[in-house]
Amino acid sequence: MNKEELGGKWQQIVEDLSKKFGDGETLDVDSILFLIGVQELGLGLKKFKKDEKINLMHVAICSLLQPYGYYNYIGRDDEGWPHFELVDTLPALKPGEQSVLMKQAIIKYFDN
């Protein structure tokens, strides 16, 4: 995916999700990761504690990077939380490269 295509698709996702969940504000990557985590958890939208919010973002990152071969889904615990195992070490990426990888993974997630 070239830079222009990435930018256009990313902007469309941000606009769509911001309209639906942003209460008039534009969502950032972290907010979108939170929403993906809630979706992957599958228990609906509710009030989450601070540590649960961090765990939701972790679930989102694992879910997003699973198709790239970095994580493997291993199942859910007794409370319904999905768990993953690290399959391959993530490459050392500069912050800008990390951002591009996450945006590409989010685009792929919403394309499916």
Protein backbone atom coordinates (compact mmCIF):
# COMPACT_ATOMS: atom_id res chain seq x y z
CA MET A 1 0.00 0.00 0.00
CA ASN A 2 1.55 3.29 -1.04
CA LYS A 3 1.67 6.38 1.17
CA GLU A 4 -1.27 8.14 -0.53
CA GLU A 5 -3.49 5.07 -0.41
CA LEU A 6 -2.60 4.52 3.25
CA GLY A 7 -3.37 8.14 4.08
CA GLY A 8 -6.71 8.10 2.29
CA LYS A 9 -7.90 4.84 3.80
CA TRP A 10 -6.67 5.85 7.25
CA GLN A 11 -8.48 9.18 7.06
CA GLN A 12 -11.72 7.45 6.05
CA ILE A 13 -11.52 5.07 9.02
CA VAL A 14 -10.80 7.96 11.41
CA GLU A 15 -13.74 9.97 10.02
CA ASP A 16 -16.17 7.03 10.17
CA LEU A 17 -15.23 6.00 13.70
CA SER A 18 -15.10 9.59 14.93
CA LYS A 19 -18.64 10.18 13.68
CA LYS A 20 -19.86 7.03 15.38
CA PHE A 21 -17.89 7.12 18.65
CA GLY A 22 -16.07 10.46 18.92
CA ASP A 23 -18.71 12.70 20.51
CA GLY A 24 -17.63 15.47 18.13
CA GLU A 25 -13.91 14.79 18.55
CA THR A 26 -11.50 13.16 16.13
CA LEU A 27 -10.28 9.79 17.37
CA ASP A 28 -6.56 9.01 17.48
CA VAL A 29 -4.77 5.67 17.09
CA ASP A 30 -5.04 4.87 20.81
CA SER A 31 -8.79 5.50 20.80
CA ILE A 32 -9.21 3.26 17.78
CA LEU A 33 -7.12 0.56 19.44
CA PHE A 34 -9.40 0.79 22.47
CA LEU A 35 -12.48 0.34 20.24
CA ILE A 36 -10.92 -2.67 18.50
CA GLY A 37 -10.10 -4.16 21.90
CA VAL A 38 -13.71 -3.73 23.01
CA GLN A 39 -14.86 -5.37 19.77
CA GLU A 40 -12.46 -8.29 20.19
CA LEU A 41 -13.44 -8.74 23.84
CA GLY A 42 -17.03 -9.04 22.68
CA LEU A 43 -18.70 -8.12 25.96
CA GLY A 44 -20.12 -4.80 24.77
CA LEU A 45 -19.31 -1.23 25.68
CA LYS A 46 -19.22 -0.55 29.41
CA LYS A 47 -17.15 1.33 31.93
CA PHE A 48 -13.67 -0.14 32.06
CA LYS A 49 -11.09 0.34 34.80
CA LYS A 50 -7.71 1.84 33.87
CA ASP A 51 -5.95 -1.55 33.83
CA GLU A 52 -8.76 -3.03 31.74
CA LYS A 53 -8.35 -0.22 29.20
CA ILE A 54 -4.65 -1.05 28.92
CA ASN A 55 -5.52 -4.74 28.53
CA LEU A 56 -8.06 -3.87 25.81
CA MET A 57 -5.39 -2.02 23.87
CA HIS A 58 -3.08 -5.04 24.25
CA VAL A 59 -5.85 -7.33 22.95
CA ALA A 60 -6.27 -4.98 19.97
CA ILE A 61 -2.55 -4.93 19.18
CA CYS A 62 -2.30 -8.72 19.39
CA SER A 63 -5.40 -9.12 17.22
CA LEU A 64 -4.07 -6.66 14.67
CA LEU A 65 -0.60 -8.22 14.50
CA GLN A 66 -1.80 -11.83 14.46
CA PRO A 67 -2.26 -11.87 10.64
CA TYR A 68 1.36 -10.68 10.32
CA GLY A 69 2.54 -13.76 12.26
CA TYR A 70 3.63 -12.01 15.46
CA TYR A 71 0.94 -13.38 17.77
CA ASN A 72 -1.15 -16.53 17.99
CA TYR A 73 -4.58 -16.62 19.62
CA ILE A 74 -4.60 -19.25 22.37
CA GLY A 75 -8.11 -18.87 23.81
CA ARG A 76 -10.18 -17.05 26.39
CA ASP A 77 -9.92 -17.07 30.14
CA ASP A 78 -12.79 -17.67 32.59
CA GLU A 79 -13.82 -14.00 32.35
CA GLY A 80 -13.96 -14.10 28.55
CA TRP A 81 -10.75 -12.17 27.85
CA PRO A 82 -8.82 -13.34 24.78
CA HIS A 83 -5.19 -14.36 25.26
CA PHE A 84 -2.33 -14.52 22.78
CA GLU A 85 1.18 -15.85 22.71
CA LEU A 86 4.10 -14.10 21.06
CA VAL A 87 5.18 -16.18 18.07
CA ASP A 88 7.83 -13.96 16.53
CA THR A 89 9.71 -11.02 17.99
CA LEU A 90 8.59 -7.71 16.65
CA PRO A 91 11.25 -5.96 14.59
CA ALA A 92 12.91 -2.85 15.98
CA LEU A 93 10.94 -0.04 14.39
CA LYS A 94 11.32 3.70 14.64
CA PRO A 95 8.24 5.51 16.04
CA GLY A 96 7.12 6.59 12.56
CA GLU A 97 7.46 3.03 11.29
CA GLN A 98 5.46 1.73 14.25
CA SER A 99 2.71 4.19 13.41
CA VAL A 100 2.62 3.09 9.77
CA LEU A 101 2.49 -0.61 10.78
CA MET A 102 -0.39 0.00 13.19
CA LYS A 103 -2.31 2.09 10.66
CA GLN A 104 -1.83 -0.59 8.00
CA ALA A 105 -2.99 -3.28 10.44
CA ILE A 106 -6.05 -1.22 11.43
CA ILE A 107 -6.94 -0.65 7.77
CA LYS A 108 -6.61 -4.39 7.12
CA TYR A 109 -8.80 -5.11 10.18
CA PHE A 110 -11.60 -2.88 8.93
CA ASP A 111 -11.27 -4.11 5.34
CA ASN A 112 -12.08 -7.62 6.59
